[in-house]
Amino acid sequence: MRRLMAIATLVAVAASGCYASFPAPQPPPPTTMTTWGPMGGMTISTGMCAGQVALTGGTAALSDPCFTGNANVVLCTDTTAPNPVRCAASPGILGVTGTGGDVIAYARMK
């Protein structure tokens, strides 16, 4: 009986050390990639920042480090009504102008 209990205990201890939850959580995708070649190197930004912002009095300024300068390509659309929208990126800030308190969806493409 003692031998059977010892074997059962060893099997239980060995089995508990082998437990792993599947599937394992995946890491988030990288947002930048750096490469080098014979003609030089470069860094490519694979991430895209996007979201929505509500205007206050027709304007909003969104602070986000993904906006790196005025060469960023940013798409904006008014999700409340078919009103015109203007988005202008600068380092760390997206300036949005539109109508009243409309909600604006934005996405940085480059």
PDB file of N, CA and C in Angstrom:
ATOM      1  N   MET A   1       0.822  -1.191   0.000  1.00  0.00           N
ATOM      2  CA  MET A   1       0.000   0.000   0.000  1.00  0.00           C
ATOM      3  C   MET A   1       0.871   1.262   0.000  1.00  0.00           C
ATOM      4  N   ARG A   2       1.929   1.248   0.814  1.00  0.00           N
ATOM      5  CA  ARG A   2       2.818   2.419   0.854  1.00  0.00           C
ATOM      6  C   ARG A   2       3.505   2.641  -0.492  1.00  0.00           C
ATOM      7  N   ARG A   3       3.855   1.540  -1.123  1.00  0.00           N
ATOM      8  CA  ARG A   3       4.510   1.645  -2.423  1.00  0.00           C
ATOM      9  C   ARG A   3       3.551   2.264  -3.448  1.00  0.00           C
ATOM     10  N   LEU A   4       2.295   1.881  -3.430  1.00  0.00           N
ATOM     11  CA  LEU A   4       1.291   2.422  -4.329  1.00  0.00           C
ATOM     12  C   LEU A   4       1.075   3.911  -4.067  1.00  0.00           C
ATOM     13  N   MET A   5       1.046   4.322  -2.796  1.00  0.00           N
ATOM     14  CA  MET A   5       0.896   5.737  -2.437  1.00  0.00           C
ATOM     15  C   MET A   5       2.113   6.548  -2.897  1.00  0.00           C
ATOM     16  N   ALA A   6       3.304   5.990  -2.752  1.00  0.00           N
ATOM     17  CA  ALA A   6       4.520   6.689  -3.171  1.00  0.00           C
ATOM     18  C   ALA A   6       4.528   6.887  -4.687  1.00  0.00           C
ATOM     19  N   ILE A   7       4.140   5.844  -5.427  1.00  0.00           N
ATOM     20  CA  ILE A   7       4.096   5.951  -6.886  1.00  0.00           C
ATOM     21  C   ILE A   7       3.053   6.984  -7.309  1.00  0.00           C
ATOM     22  N   ALA A   8       1.887   6.974  -6.666  1.00  0.00           N
ATOM     23  CA  ALA A   8       0.829   7.935  -6.991  1.00  0.00           C
ATOM     24  C   ALA A   8       1.283   9.360  -6.690  1.00  0.00           C
ATOM     25  N   THR A   9       2.005   9.551  -5.600  1.00  0.00           N
ATOM     26  CA  THR A   9       2.511  10.875  -5.244  1.00  0.00           C
ATOM     27  C   THR A   9       3.534  11.352  -6.264  1.00  0.00           C
ATOM     28  N   LEU A  10       4.448  10.475  -6.677  1.00  0.00           N
ATOM     29  CA  LEU A  10       5.444  10.849  -7.680  1.00  0.00           C
ATOM     30  C   LEU A  10       4.794  11.196  -9.021  1.00  0.00           C
ATOM     31  N   VAL A  11       3.789  10.424  -9.400  1.00  0.00           N
ATOM     32  CA  VAL A  11       3.095  10.706 -10.655  1.00  0.00           C
ATOM     33  C   VAL A  11       2.385  12.058 -10.569  1.00  0.00           C
ATOM     34  N   ALA A  12       1.745  12.350  -9.440  1.00  0.00           N
ATOM     35  CA  ALA A  12       1.045  13.627  -9.272  1.00  0.00           C
ATOM     36  C   ALA A  12       2.016  14.800  -9.306  1.00  0.00           C
ATOM     37  N   VAL A  13       3.162  14.681  -8.651  1.00  0.00           N
ATOM     38  CA  VAL A  13       4.162  15.755  -8.648  1.00  0.00           C
ATOM     39  C   VAL A  13       4.733  15.957 -10.049  1.00  0.00           C
ATOM     40  N   ALA A  14       5.026  14.882 -10.758  1.00  0.00           N
ATOM     41  CA  ALA A  14       5.575  14.992 -12.106  1.00  0.00           C
ATOM     42  C   ALA A  14       4.558  15.609 -13.057  1.00  0.00           C
ATOM     43  N   ALA A  15       3.303  15.227 -12.927  1.00  0.00           N
ATOM     44  CA  ALA A  15       2.271  15.764 -13.811  1.00  0.00           C
ATOM     45  C   ALA A  15       2.008  17.235 -13.536  1.00  0.00           C
ATOM     46  N   SER A  16       2.086  17.655 -12.293  1.00  0.00           N
ATOM     47  CA  SER A  16       1.809  19.060 -11.981  1.00  0.00           C
ATOM     48  C   SER A  16       2.905  19.976 -12.512  1.00  0.00           C
ATOM     49  N   GLY A  17       4.114  19.498 -12.650  1.00  0.00           N
ATOM     50  CA  GLY A  17       5.204  20.308 -13.189  1.00  0.00           C
ATOM     51  C   GLY A  17       5.146  20.446 -14.694  1.00  0.00           C
ATOM     52  N   CYS A  18       4.362  19.610 -15.365  1.00  0.00           N
ATOM     53  CA  CYS A  18       4.292  19.633 -16.821  1.00  0.00           C
ATOM     54  C   CYS A  18       3.095  20.417 -17.338  1.00  0.00           C
ATOM     55  N   TYR A  19       2.301  20.971 -16.467  1.00  0.00           N
ATOM     56  CA  TYR A  19       1.089  21.662 -16.903  1.00  0.00           C
ATOM     57  C   TYR A  19       1.430  22.997 -17.549  1.00  0.00           C
ATOM     58  N   ALA A  20       0.840  23.255 -18.682  1.00  0.00           N
ATOM     59  CA  ALA A  20       0.974  24.558 -19.361  1.00  0.00           C
ATOM     60  C   ALA A  20      -0.358  24.869 -20.022  1.00  0.00           C
ATOM     61  N   SER A  21      -0.751  26.119 -19.980  1.00  0.00           N
ATOM     62  CA  SER A  21      -2.015  26.496 -20.621  1.00  0.00           C
ATOM     63  C   SER A  21      -1.775  26.714 -22.107  1.00  0.00           C
ATOM     64  N   PHE A  22      -2.644  26.183 -22.926  1.00  0.00           N
ATOM     65  CA  PHE A  22      -2.549  26.332 -24.374  1.00  0.00           C
ATOM     66  C   PHE A  22      -3.831  26.928 -24.882  1.00  0.00           C
ATOM     67  N   PRO A  23      -3.870  27.761 -25.861  1.00  0.00           N
ATOM     68  CA  PRO A  23      -2.693  28.329 -26.506  1.00  0.00           C
ATOM     69  C   PRO A  23      -2.079  29.423 -25.644  1.00  0.00           C
ATOM     70  N   ALA A  24      -0.794  29.563 -25.756  1.00  0.00           N
ATOM     71  CA  ALA A  24      -0.075  30.578 -24.989  1.00  0.00           C
ATOM     72  C   ALA A  24      -0.431  31.968 -25.535  1.00  0.00           C
ATOM     73  N   PRO A  25      -0.511  32.988 -24.674  1.00  0.00           N
ATOM     74  CA  PRO A  25      -0.817  34.337 -25.163  1.00  0.00           C
ATOM     75  C   PRO A  25       0.279  34.825 -26.105  1.00  0.00           C
ATOM     76  N   GLN A  26      -0.146  35.455 -27.185  1.00  0.00           N
ATOM     77  CA  GLN A  26       0.789  35.934 -28.192  1.00  0.00           C
ATOM     78  C   GLN A  26       1.266  37.341 -27.850  1.00  0.00           C
ATOM     79  N   PRO A  27       2.532  37.643 -28.108  1.00  0.00           N
ATOM     80  CA  PRO A  27       3.015  39.015 -27.866  1.00  0.00           C
ATOM     81  C   PRO A  27       2.416  39.958 -28.901  1.00  0.00           C
ATOM     82  N   PRO A  28       2.332  41.247 -28.578  1.00  0.00           N
ATOM     83  CA  PRO A  28       1.806  42.194 -29.559  1.00  0.00           C
ATOM     84  C   PRO A  28       2.750  42.314 -30.749  1.00  0.00           C
ATOM     85  N   PRO A  29       2.225  42.652 -31.922  1.00  0.00           N
ATOM     86  CA  PRO A  29       3.096  42.784 -33.097  1.00  0.00           C
ATOM     87  C   PRO A  29       4.036  43.972 -32.933  1.00  0.00           C
ATOM     88  N   PRO A  30       5.204  43.913 -33.554  1.00  0.00           N
ATOM     89  CA  PRO A  30       6.136  45.044 -33.457  1.00  0.00           C
ATOM     90  C   PRO A  30       5.575  46.261 -34.187  1.00  0.00           C
ATOM     91  N   THR A  31       5.942  47.431 -33.713  1.00  0.00           N
ATOM     92  CA  THR A  31       5.469  48.658 -34.358  1.00  0.00           C
ATOM     93  C   THR A  31       6.534  49.301 -35.225  1.00  0.00           C
ATOM     94  N   THR A  32       7.787  48.924 -35.045  1.00  0.00           N
ATOM     95  CA  THR A  32       8.844  49.440 -35.915  1.00  0.00           C
ATOM     96  C   THR A  32       9.796  48.308 -36.282  1.00  0.00           C
ATOM     97  N   MET A  33      10.464  48.478 -37.413  1.00  0.00           N
ATOM     98  CA  MET A  33      11.436  47.499 -37.864  1.00  0.00           C
ATOM     99  C   MET A  33      12.616  48.260 -38.440  1.00  0.00           C
ATOM    100  N   THR A  34      13.811  47.893 -38.027  1.00  0.00           N
ATOM    101  CA  THR A  34      15.018  48.538 -38.529  1.00  0.00           C
ATOM    102  C   THR A  34      15.772  47.549 -39.397  1.00  0.00           C
ATOM    103  N   THR A  35      16.255  48.017 -40.533  1.00  0.00           N
ATOM    104  CA  THR A  35      16.979  47.145 -41.452  1.00  0.00           C
ATOM    105  C   THR A  35      18.215  47.864 -41.966  1.00  0.00           C
ATOM    106  N   TRP A  36      19.156  47.107 -42.479  1.00  0.00           N
ATOM    107  CA  TRP A  36      20.375  47.664 -43.053  1.00  0.00           C
ATOM    108  C   TRP A  36      20.652  46.948 -44.357  1.00  0.00           C
ATOM    109  N   GLY A  37      21.155  47.674 -45.332  1.00  0.00           N
ATOM    110  CA  GLY A  37      21.520  47.091 -46.618  1.00  0.00           C
ATOM    111  C   GLY A  37      22.747  47.773 -47.168  1.00  0.00           C
ATOM    112  N   PRO A  38      23.242  47.334 -48.313  1.00  0.00           N
ATOM    113  CA  PRO A  38      24.447  47.918 -48.897  1.00  0.00           C
ATOM    114  C   PRO A  38      24.301  49.404 -49.216  1.00  0.00           C
ATOM    115  N   MET A  39      23.079  49.864 -49.453  1.00  0.00           N
ATOM    116  CA  MET A  39      22.856  51.269 -49.764  1.00  0.00           C
ATOM    117  C   MET A  39      22.528  52.093 -48.523  1.00  0.00           C
ATOM    118  N   GLY A  40      22.570  51.486 -47.350  1.00  0.00           N
ATOM    119  CA  GLY A  40      22.266  52.199 -46.115  1.00  0.00           C
ATOM    120  C   GLY A  40      21.163  51.510 -45.342  1.00  0.00           C
ATOM    121  N   GLY A  41      20.782  52.081 -44.222  1.00  0.00           N
ATOM    122  CA  GLY A  41      19.742  51.498 -43.397  1.00  0.00           C
ATOM    123  C   GLY A  41      18.515  52.374 -43.347  1.00  0.00           C
ATOM    124  N   MET A  42      17.454  51.814 -42.767  1.00  0.00           N
ATOM    125  CA  MET A  42      16.237  52.593 -42.589  1.00  0.00           C
ATOM    126  C   MET A  42      15.390  51.970 -41.492  1.00  0.00           C
ATOM    127  N   THR A  43      14.472  52.756 -40.973  1.00  0.00           N
ATOM    128  CA  THR A  43      13.520  52.293 -39.980  1.00  0.00           C
ATOM    129  C   THR A  43      12.130  52.454 -40.557  1.00  0.00           C
ATOM    130  N   ILE A  44      11.342  51.389 -40.500  1.00  0.00           N
ATOM    131  CA  ILE A  44       9.988  51.393 -41.035  1.00  0.00           C
ATOM    132  C   ILE A  44       9.016  51.303 -39.871  1.00  0.00           C
ATOM    133  N   SER A  45       8.039  52.176 -39.848  1.00  0.00           N
ATOM    134  CA  SER A  45       6.999  52.148 -38.827  1.00  0.00           C
ATOM    135  C   SER A  45       5.836  51.326 -39.357  1.00  0.00           C
ATOM    136  N   THR A  46       5.564  50.191 -38.701  1.00  0.00           N
ATOM    137  CA  THR A  46       4.475  49.327 -39.126  1.00  0.00           C
ATOM    138  C   THR A  46       3.213  49.564 -38.325  1.00  0.00           C
ATOM    139  N   GLY A  47       3.313  50.374 -37.302  1.00  0.00           N
ATOM    140  CA  GLY A  47       2.144  50.635 -36.470  1.00  0.00           C
ATOM    141  C   GLY A  47       1.268  51.717 -37.082  1.00  0.00           C
ATOM    142  N   MET A  48       0.040  51.752 -36.680  1.00  0.00           N
ATOM    143  CA  MET A  48      -0.881  52.774 -37.162  1.00  0.00           C
ATOM    144  C   MET A  48      -1.699  53.235 -35.968  1.00  0.00           C
ATOM    145  N   CYS A  49      -1.697  54.517 -35.687  1.00  0.00           N
ATOM    146  CA  CYS A  49      -2.532  54.998 -34.601  1.00  0.00           C
ATOM    147  C   CYS A  49      -3.854  55.469 -35.183  1.00  0.00           C
ATOM    148  N   ALA A  50      -4.920  55.139 -34.492  1.00  0.00           N
ATOM    149  CA  ALA A  50      -6.253  55.472 -34.960  1.00  0.00           C
ATOM    150  C   ALA A  50      -7.164  55.618 -33.757  1.00  0.00           C
ATOM    151  N   GLY A  51      -8.283  56.284 -33.956  1.00  0.00           N
ATOM    152  CA  GLY A  51      -9.239  56.450 -32.877  1.00  0.00           C
ATOM    153  C   GLY A  51     -10.297  57.466 -33.231  1.00  0.00           C
ATOM    154  N   GLN A  52     -10.964  57.973 -32.207  1.00  0.00           N
ATOM    155  CA  GLN A  52     -11.995  58.981 -32.385  1.00  0.00           C
ATOM    156  C   GLN A  52     -11.780  60.085 -31.364  1.00  0.00           C
ATOM    157  N   VAL A  53     -12.173  61.287 -31.742  1.00  0.00           N
ATOM    158  CA  VAL A  53     -12.068  62.431 -30.850  1.00  0.00           C
ATOM    159  C   VAL A  53     -13.319  63.288 -31.047  1.00  0.00           C
ATOM    160  N   ALA A  54     -13.871  63.761 -29.937  1.00  0.00           N
ATOM    161  CA  ALA A  54     -15.039  64.649 -29.990  1.00  0.00           C
ATOM    162  C   ALA A  54     -14.551  66.091 -30.003  1.00  0.00           C
ATOM    163  N   LEU A  55     -15.102  66.878 -30.907  1.00  0.00           N
ATOM    164  CA  LEU A  55     -14.739  68.287 -31.005  1.00  0.00           C
ATOM    165  C   LEU A  55     -15.443  69.090 -29.916  1.00  0.00           C
ATOM    166  N   THR A  56     -14.773  70.123 -29.445  1.00  0.00           N
ATOM    167  CA  THR A  56     -15.361  71.073 -28.513  1.00  0.00           C
ATOM    168  C   THR A  56     -15.296  72.437 -29.183  1.00  0.00           C
ATOM    169  N   GLY A  57     -16.441  72.976 -29.519  1.00  0.00           N
ATOM    170  CA  GLY A  57     -16.465  74.252 -30.226  1.00  0.00           C
ATOM    171  C   GLY A  57     -15.838  74.171 -31.605  1.00  0.00           C
ATOM    172  N   GLY A  58     -15.864  73.001 -32.206  1.00  0.00           N
ATOM    173  CA  GLY A  58     -15.337  72.843 -33.551  1.00  0.00           C
ATOM    174  C   GLY A  58     -13.864  72.528 -33.641  1.00  0.00           C
ATOM    175  N   THR A  59     -13.157  72.366 -32.504  1.00  0.00           N
ATOM    176  CA  THR A  59     -11.726  72.063 -32.550  1.00  0.00           C
ATOM    177  C   THR A  59     -11.368  70.993 -31.524  1.00  0.00           C
ATOM    178  N   ALA A  60     -10.244  70.372 -31.755  1.00  0.00           N
ATOM    179  CA  ALA A  60      -9.666  69.418 -30.807  1.00  0.00           C
ATOM    180  C   ALA A  60      -8.173  69.311 -31.091  1.00  0.00           C
ATOM    181  N   ALA A  61      -7.398  69.081 -30.055  1.00  0.00           N
ATOM    182  CA  ALA A  61      -5.962  68.833 -30.184  1.00  0.00           C
ATOM    183  C   ALA A  61      -5.675  67.540 -29.445  1.00  0.00           C
ATOM    184  N   LEU A  62      -5.230  66.552 -30.176  1.00  0.00           N
ATOM    185  CA  LEU A  62      -4.972  65.232 -29.623  1.00  0.00           C
ATOM    186  C   LEU A  62      -3.474  65.037 -29.465  1.00  0.00           C
ATOM    187  N   SER A  63      -3.012  64.787 -28.244  1.00  0.00           N
ATOM    188  CA  SER A  63      -1.591  64.544 -27.991  1.00  0.00           C
ATOM    189  C   SER A  63      -1.307  63.052 -28.079  1.00  0.00           C
ATOM    190  N   ASP A  64      -0.391  62.671 -28.962  1.00  0.00           N
ATOM    191  CA  ASP A  64      -0.013  61.273 -29.131  1.00  0.00           C
ATOM    192  C   ASP A  64       1.366  61.229 -29.784  1.00  0.00           C
ATOM    193  N   PRO A  65       2.313  60.481 -29.215  1.00  0.00           N
ATOM    194  CA  PRO A  65       3.660  60.437 -29.784  1.00  0.00           C
ATOM    195  C   PRO A  65       3.732  59.755 -31.150  1.00  0.00           C
ATOM    196  N   CYS A  66       2.658  59.089 -31.589  1.00  0.00           N
ATOM    197  CA  CYS A  66       2.714  58.453 -32.912  1.00  0.00           C
ATOM    198  C   CYS A  66       2.674  59.478 -34.035  1.00  0.00           C
ATOM    199  N   PHE A  67       2.237  60.690 -33.761  1.00  0.00           N
ATOM    200  CA  PHE A  67       2.293  61.755 -34.765  1.00  0.00           C
ATOM    201  C   PHE A  67       3.682  62.371 -34.709  1.00  0.00           C
ATOM    202  N   THR A  68       4.449  62.147 -35.776  1.00  0.00           N
ATOM    203  CA  THR A  68       5.863  62.523 -35.742  1.00  0.00           C
ATOM    204  C   THR A  68       6.191  63.806 -36.492  1.00  0.00           C
ATOM    205  N   GLY A  69       5.249  64.328 -37.260  1.00  0.00           N
ATOM    206  CA  GLY A  69       5.536  65.569 -37.969  1.00  0.00           C
ATOM    207  C   GLY A  69       4.482  65.884 -38.999  1.00  0.00           C
ATOM    208  N   ASN A  70       4.668  67.008 -39.705  1.00  0.00           N
ATOM    209  CA  ASN A  70       3.671  67.436 -40.682  1.00  0.00           C
ATOM    210  C   ASN A  70       3.714  66.633 -41.976  1.00  0.00           C
ATOM    211  N   ALA A  71       4.665  65.708 -42.120  1.00  0.00           N
ATOM    212  CA  ALA A  71       4.703  64.834 -43.293  1.00  0.00           C
ATOM    213  C   ALA A  71       3.841  63.587 -43.091  1.00  0.00           C
ATOM    214  N   ASN A  72       3.240  63.413 -41.902  1.00  0.00           N
ATOM    215  CA  ASN A  72       2.356  62.275 -41.654  1.00  0.00           C
ATOM    216  C   ASN A  72       1.123  62.360 -42.538  1.00  0.00           C
ATOM    217  N   VAL A  73       0.691  61.223 -43.053  1.00  0.00           N
ATOM    218  CA  VAL A  73      -0.557  61.146 -43.806  1.00  0.00           C
ATOM    219  C   VAL A  73      -1.638  60.719 -42.818  1.00  0.00           C
ATOM    220  N   VAL A  74      -2.609  61.597 -42.585  1.00  0.00           N
ATOM    221  CA  VAL A  74      -3.675  61.329 -41.622  1.00  0.00           C
ATOM    222  C   VAL A  74      -5.018  61.426 -42.334  1.00  0.00           C
ATOM    223  N   LEU A  75      -5.834  60.389 -42.187  1.00  0.00           N
ATOM    224  CA  LEU A  75      -7.183  60.397 -42.745  1.00  0.00           C
ATOM    225  C   LEU A  75      -8.168  60.716 -41.637  1.00  0.00           C
ATOM    226  N   CYS A  76      -9.092  61.629 -41.893  1.00  0.00           N
ATOM    227  CA  CYS A  76     -10.103  62.013 -40.913  1.00  0.00           C
ATOM    228  C   CYS A  76     -11.471  62.028 -41.573  1.00  0.00           C
ATOM    229  N   THR A  77     -12.483  61.635 -40.809  1.00  0.00           N
ATOM    230  CA  THR A  77     -13.848  61.697 -41.297  1.00  0.00           C
ATOM    231  C   THR A  77     -14.786  62.037 -40.148  1.00  0.00           C
ATOM    232  N   ASP A  78     -15.816  62.785 -40.455  1.00  0.00           N
ATOM    233  CA  ASP A  78     -16.820  63.169 -39.468  1.00  0.00           C
ATOM    234  C   ASP A  78     -17.833  62.032 -39.378  1.00  0.00           C
ATOM    235  N   THR A  79     -17.920  61.378 -38.219  1.00  0.00           N
ATOM    236  CA  THR A  79     -18.835  60.249 -38.057  1.00  0.00           C
ATOM    237  C   THR A  79     -20.224  60.683 -37.622  1.00  0.00           C
ATOM    238  N   THR A  80     -20.401  61.956 -37.287  1.00  0.00           N
ATOM    239  CA  THR A  80     -21.687  62.459 -36.823  1.00  0.00           C
ATOM    240  C   THR A  80     -22.573  62.923 -37.974  1.00  0.00           C
ATOM    241  N   ALA A  81     -22.009  63.659 -38.894  1.00  0.00           N
ATOM    242  CA  ALA A  81     -22.759  64.240 -40.012  1.00  0.00           C
ATOM    243  C   ALA A  81     -21.797  64.457 -41.181  1.00  0.00           C
ATOM    244  N   PRO A  82     -22.322  64.659 -42.384  1.00  0.00           N
ATOM    245  CA  PRO A  82     -21.439  64.887 -43.534  1.00  0.00           C
ATOM    246  C   PRO A  82     -20.898  66.319 -43.570  1.00  0.00           C
ATOM    247  N   ASN A  83     -20.108  66.653 -42.567  1.00  0.00           N
ATOM    248  CA  ASN A  83     -19.509  67.988 -42.469  1.00  0.00           C
ATOM    249  C   ASN A  83     -18.030  67.909 -42.828  1.00  0.00           C
ATOM    250  N   PRO A  84     -17.458  69.005 -43.334  1.00  0.00           N
ATOM    251  CA  PRO A  84     -16.026  69.006 -43.657  1.00  0.00           C
ATOM    252  C   PRO A  84     -15.171  68.956 -42.391  1.00  0.00           C
ATOM    253  N   VAL A  85     -14.003  68.324 -42.511  1.00  0.00           N
ATOM    254  CA  VAL A  85     -13.060  68.155 -41.399  1.00  0.00           C
ATOM    255  C   VAL A  85     -11.670  68.491 -41.903  1.00  0.00           C
ATOM    256  N   ARG A  86     -10.859  69.088 -41.048  1.00  0.00           N
ATOM    257  CA  ARG A  86      -9.456  69.342 -41.363  1.00  0.00           C
ATOM    258  C   ARG A  86      -8.599  68.756 -40.260  1.00  0.00           C
ATOM    259  N   CYS A  87      -7.621  67.922 -40.637  1.00  0.00           N
ATOM    260  CA  CYS A  87      -6.672  67.343 -39.678  1.00  0.00           C
ATOM    261  C   CYS A  87      -5.265  67.745 -40.087  1.00  0.00           C
ATOM    262  N   ALA A  88      -4.477  68.165 -39.136  1.00  0.00           N
ATOM    263  CA  ALA A  88      -3.093  68.560 -39.397  1.00  0.00           C
ATOM    264  C   ALA A  88      -2.200  67.984 -38.310  1.00  0.00           C
ATOM    265  N   ALA A  89      -1.257  67.146 -38.718  1.00  0.00           N
ATOM    266  CA  ALA A  89      -0.328  66.529 -37.766  1.00  0.00           C
ATOM    267  C   ALA A  89       0.909  67.402 -37.602  1.00  0.00           C
ATOM    268  N   SER A  90       1.423  67.407 -36.395  1.00  0.00           N
ATOM    269  CA  SER A  90       2.699  68.027 -36.082  1.00  0.00           C
ATOM    270  C   SER A  90       3.357  67.128 -35.039  1.00  0.00           C
ATOM    271  N   PRO A  91       4.611  67.338 -34.689  1.00  0.00           N
ATOM    272  CA  PRO A  91       5.260  66.433 -33.751  1.00  0.00           C
ATOM    273  C   PRO A  91       4.484  66.286 -32.428  1.00  0.00           C
ATOM    274  N   GLY A  92       3.912  65.096 -32.215  1.00  0.00           N
ATOM    275  CA  GLY A  92       3.217  64.780 -30.969  1.00  0.00           C
ATOM    276  C   GLY A  92       1.784  65.253 -30.870  1.00  0.00           C
ATOM    277  N   ILE A  93       1.258  65.940 -31.889  1.00  0.00           N
ATOM    278  CA  ILE A  93      -0.096  66.510 -31.788  1.00  0.00           C
ATOM    279  C   ILE A  93      -0.830  66.345 -33.120  1.00  0.00           C
ATOM    280  N   LEU A  94      -2.125  66.051 -33.029  1.00  0.00           N
ATOM    281  CA  LEU A  94      -3.001  66.088 -34.192  1.00  0.00           C
ATOM    282  C   LEU A  94      -4.029  67.174 -33.939  1.00  0.00           C
ATOM    283  N   GLY A  95      -4.039  68.191 -34.782  1.00  0.00           N
ATOM    284  CA  GLY A  95      -5.019  69.267 -34.694  1.00  0.00           C
ATOM    285  C   GLY A  95      -6.203  68.948 -35.596  1.00  0.00           C
ATOM    286  N   VAL A  96      -7.419  69.028 -35.044  1.00  0.00           N
ATOM    287  CA  VAL A  96      -8.623  68.707 -35.792  1.00  0.00           C
ATOM    288  C   VAL A  96      -9.575  69.891 -35.715  1.00  0.00           C
ATOM    289  N   THR A  97     -10.109  70.315 -36.858  1.00  0.00           N
ATOM    290  CA  THR A  97     -11.142  71.340 -36.880  1.00  0.00           C
ATOM    291  C   THR A  97     -12.315  70.817 -37.692  1.00  0.00           C
ATOM    292  N   GLY A  98     -13.513  71.190 -37.246  1.00  0.00           N
ATOM    293  CA  GLY A  98     -14.718  70.724 -37.908  1.00  0.00           C
ATOM    294  C   GLY A  98     -15.908  71.530 -37.452  1.00  0.00           C
ATOM    295  N   THR A  99     -17.025  70.860 -37.228  1.00  0.00           N
ATOM    296  CA  THR A  99     -18.271  71.525 -36.886  1.00  0.00           C
ATOM    297  C   THR A  99     -18.716  71.156 -35.484  1.00  0.00           C
ATOM    298  N   GLY A 100     -18.920  72.171 -34.639  1.00  0.00           N
ATOM    299  CA  GLY A 100     -19.512  71.995 -33.304  1.00  0.00           C
ATOM    300  C   GLY A 100     -18.893  70.921 -32.453  1.00  0.00           C
ATOM    301  N   GLY A 101     -19.722  69.978 -32.016  1.00  0.00           N
ATOM    302  CA  GLY A 101     -19.272  68.894 -31.144  1.00  0.00           C
ATOM    303  C   GLY A 101     -19.267  67.558 -31.852  1.00  0.00           C
ATOM    304  N   ASP A 102     -19.072  67.555 -33.163  1.00  0.00           N
ATOM    305  CA  ASP A 102     -19.063  66.312 -33.936  1.00  0.00           C
ATOM    306  C   ASP A 102     -17.944  65.387 -33.466  1.00  0.00           C
ATOM    307  N   VAL A 103     -18.102  64.098 -33.748  1.00  0.00           N
ATOM    308  CA  VAL A 103     -17.087  63.096 -33.431  1.00  0.00           C
ATOM    309  C   VAL A 103     -16.325  62.789 -34.713  1.00  0.00           C
ATOM    310  N   ILE A 104     -14.996  62.865 -34.618  1.00  0.00           N
ATOM    311  CA  ILE A 104     -14.126  62.682 -35.777  1.00  0.00           C
ATOM    312  C   ILE A 104     -13.322  61.397 -35.596  1.00  0.00           C
ATOM    313  N   ALA A 105     -13.351  60.529 -36.608  1.00  0.00           N
ATOM    314  CA  ALA A 105     -12.511  59.340 -36.631  1.00  0.00           C
ATOM    315  C   ALA A 105     -11.237  59.693 -37.394  1.00  0.00           C
ATOM    316  N   TYR A 106     -10.077  59.245 -36.883  1.00  0.00           N
ATOM    317  CA  TYR A 106      -8.809  59.559 -37.521  1.00  0.00           C
ATOM    318  C   TYR A 106      -7.938  58.306 -37.580  1.00  0.00           C
ATOM    319  N   ALA A 107      -7.028  58.295 -38.533  1.00  0.00           N
ATOM    320  CA  ALA A 107      -6.046  57.217 -38.656  1.00  0.00           C
ATOM    321  C   ALA A 107      -4.781  57.771 -39.285  1.00  0.00           C
ATOM    322  N   ARG A 108      -3.651  57.523 -38.659  1.00  0.00           N
ATOM    323  CA  ARG A 108      -2.348  57.918 -39.217  1.00  0.00           C
ATOM    324  C   ARG A 108      -1.887  56.785 -40.111  1.00  0.00           C
ATOM    325  N   MET A 109      -1.639  57.088 -41.364  1.00  0.00           N
ATOM    326  CA  MET A 109      -1.247  56.077 -42.329  1.00  0.00           C
ATOM    327  C   MET A 109       0.256  56.008 -42.542  1.00  0.00           C
ATOM    328  N   LYS A 110       0.935  57.147 -42.401  1.00  0.00           N
ATOM    329  CA  LYS A 110       2.388  57.181 -42.636  1.00  0.00           C
ATOM    330  C   LYS A 110       3.022  58.159 -41.695  1.00  0.00           C
TER     331      LYS A 110
END
